[in-house]
Amino acid sequence: ALGHVIVVEDDAVLALALEGALRDAGAEAVTLCATMAAAVSALEQGEGADALVLDVHLRDRDDGWALAEIVSLLGPRPPRIVFSTAAPDLIPPRIAAMGPVFAKPYALSGLVEALRPPHAGGLLARWRKRPD
């Protein structure tokens, strides 16, 4: 399940398209944030985000990726992060390692799939099917 996803994106058309794709994929809630300030506010309200789509170049900040560092400190289970950017080469490598990087334009379906939590049962299921 995708759970609650915070979309940090200042392109309104893309933000709405992402919201629709996430809801169609079963997201319980989608919060759209057009600025870094709005994203920090949403996180501070303790809405318990399960995942974060992060545009790294916003109108109010050009270092949107810094939010990924903050989010990684949020408790034992920080939100899954997917980066959305027109300039993937500008994300510092240590930040890019925190989640998949999607270069604009990209297929919404690919980004939504990247947000899905890993299936813990996959390895167990393969192990149970092992031939003796």
Protein backbone atom coordinates (compact mmCIF):
# COMPACT_ATOMS: atom_id res chain seq x y z
CA ALA A 1 0.00 0.00 0.00
CA LEU A 2 1.23 3.48 -0.82
CA GLY A 3 -0.28 5.05 2.31
CA HIS A 4 0.06 8.81 2.67
CA VAL A 5 2.25 10.47 0.03
CA ILE A 6 3.51 14.04 0.19
CA VAL A 7 4.20 15.45 -3.29
CA VAL A 8 6.61 18.41 -3.26
CA GLU A 9 6.26 19.88 -6.75
CA ASP A 10 5.87 23.48 -7.91
CA ASP A 11 4.59 22.59 -11.38
CA ALA A 12 0.84 22.54 -10.71
CA VAL A 13 -0.01 20.45 -13.77
CA LEU A 14 2.54 17.77 -12.87
CA ALA A 15 1.51 17.85 -9.19
CA LEU A 16 -2.14 17.22 -10.10
CA ALA A 17 -1.17 14.46 -12.54
CA LEU A 18 0.93 12.81 -9.80
CA GLU A 19 -1.94 13.12 -7.34
CA GLY A 20 -4.30 11.40 -9.78
CA ALA A 21 -1.83 8.61 -10.55
CA LEU A 22 -1.12 8.03 -6.85
CA ARG A 23 -4.83 7.95 -5.94
CA ASP A 24 -5.52 5.56 -8.84
CA ALA A 25 -2.72 3.33 -7.50
CA GLY A 26 -4.34 3.21 -4.06
CA ALA A 27 -2.70 6.00 -2.06
CA GLU A 28 -4.76 6.62 1.08
CA ALA A 29 -3.94 10.35 1.05
CA VAL A 30 -1.95 12.74 -1.12
CA THR A 31 -0.73 16.11 0.16
CA LEU A 32 0.45 18.56 -2.51
CA CYS A 33 3.13 21.09 -1.51
CA ALA A 34 4.33 23.73 -3.99
CA THR A 35 7.12 25.06 -1.76
CA MET A 36 9.73 23.77 0.65
CA ALA A 37 8.01 25.74 3.42
CA ALA A 38 4.71 23.95 2.75
CA ALA A 39 6.46 20.56 2.75
CA VAL A 40 8.18 21.25 6.08
CA SER A 41 4.86 22.42 7.50
CA ALA A 42 3.11 19.22 6.32
CA LEU A 43 5.84 17.10 7.91
CA GLU A 44 5.73 19.11 11.14
CA GLN A 45 1.99 18.55 11.42
CA GLY A 46 2.83 14.91 12.00
CA GLU A 47 0.66 13.62 9.20
CA GLY A 48 2.78 10.48 9.12
CA ALA A 49 3.90 10.45 5.50
CA ASP A 50 4.74 7.00 4.15
CA ALA A 51 6.39 8.36 1.02
CA LEU A 52 7.67 11.58 -0.47
CA VAL A 53 7.94 12.70 -4.11
CA LEU A 54 10.51 15.46 -4.05
CA ASP A 55 11.14 17.99 -6.83
CA VAL A 56 14.63 19.20 -6.04
CA HIS A 57 14.37 22.64 -7.69
CA LEU A 58 11.46 24.59 -6.25
CA ARG A 59 10.49 28.23 -6.70
CA ASP A 60 11.33 29.06 -3.09
CA ARG A 61 14.48 26.90 -2.77
CA ASP A 62 16.98 25.51 -5.23
CA ASP A 63 18.18 22.81 -2.83
CA GLY A 64 14.96 20.85 -2.41
CA TRP A 65 17.04 17.74 -1.94
CA ALA A 66 17.96 19.07 1.53
CA LEU A 67 14.48 18.02 2.61
CA ALA A 68 15.54 14.40 2.02
CA GLU A 69 18.19 14.80 4.70
CA ILE A 70 15.62 16.11 7.17
CA VAL A 71 13.14 13.36 6.32
CA SER A 72 15.77 10.65 6.84
CA LEU A 73 15.91 11.70 10.50
CA LEU A 74 12.19 11.20 11.10
CA GLY A 75 12.05 8.24 13.46
CA PRO A 76 12.77 4.59 12.88
CA ARG A 77 10.71 4.37 9.68
CA PRO A 78 11.28 7.49 7.61
CA PRO A 79 9.18 7.95 4.46
CA ARG A 80 10.33 6.35 1.21
CA ILE A 81 11.75 9.03 -1.11
CA VAL A 82 11.57 9.42 -4.87
CA PHE A 83 13.26 12.40 -6.51
CA SER A 84 11.70 14.23 -9.46
CA THR A 85 13.95 16.65 -11.31
CA ALA A 86 14.88 18.19 -14.63
CA ALA A 87 18.55 18.20 -13.54
CA PRO A 88 19.42 14.85 -11.95
CA ASP A 89 23.15 15.55 -12.19
CA LEU A 90 22.80 18.43 -9.70
CA ILE A 91 21.69 16.16 -6.84
CA PRO A 92 24.65 15.33 -4.59
CA PRO A 93 25.45 11.59 -4.90
CA ARG A 94 24.93 10.91 -1.18
CA ILE A 95 21.42 12.38 -1.48
CA ALA A 96 20.60 10.59 -4.74
CA ALA A 97 21.43 7.31 -2.96
CA MET A 98 18.39 7.88 -0.69
CA GLY A 99 15.89 6.99 -3.41
CA PRO A 100 15.27 6.58 -7.12
CA VAL A 101 15.82 9.68 -9.26
CA PHE A 102 13.33 10.35 -12.07
CA ALA A 103 14.44 12.83 -14.72
CA LYS A 104 11.61 14.97 -16.12
CA PRO A 105 9.72 14.14 -18.21
CA TYR A 106 9.08 10.62 -16.92
CA ALA A 107 6.29 8.04 -16.95
CA LEU A 108 4.04 8.56 -13.92
CA SER A 109 3.48 4.81 -13.67
CA GLY A 110 7.21 4.20 -13.16
CA LEU A 111 7.40 6.74 -10.37
CA VAL A 112 4.31 5.32 -8.66
CA GLU A 113 5.80 1.81 -8.79
CA ALA A 114 9.05 3.10 -7.27
CA LEU A 115 7.06 4.38 -4.29
CA ARG A 116 5.57 0.99 -3.46
CA PRO A 117 7.09 -0.53 -0.33
CA PRO A 118 9.29 -3.58 -0.90
CA HIS A 119 7.42 -6.85 -0.44
CA ALA A 120 8.79 -8.64 2.58
CA GLY A 121 7.00 -11.82 1.52
CA GLY A 122 8.82 -12.07 -1.82
CA LEU A 123 11.94 -13.73 -0.45
CA LEU A 124 9.96 -16.04 1.82
CA ALA A 125 7.67 -17.06 -1.01
CA ARG A 126 10.67 -17.95 -3.21
CA TRP A 127 12.27 -19.89 -0.38
CA ARG A 128 9.09 -21.92 0.23
CA LYS A 129 8.89 -22.84 -3.47
CA ARG A 130 12.48 -24.12 -3.53
CA PRO A 131 12.74 -27.62 -4.95
CA ASP A 132 14.17 -30.16 -2.49
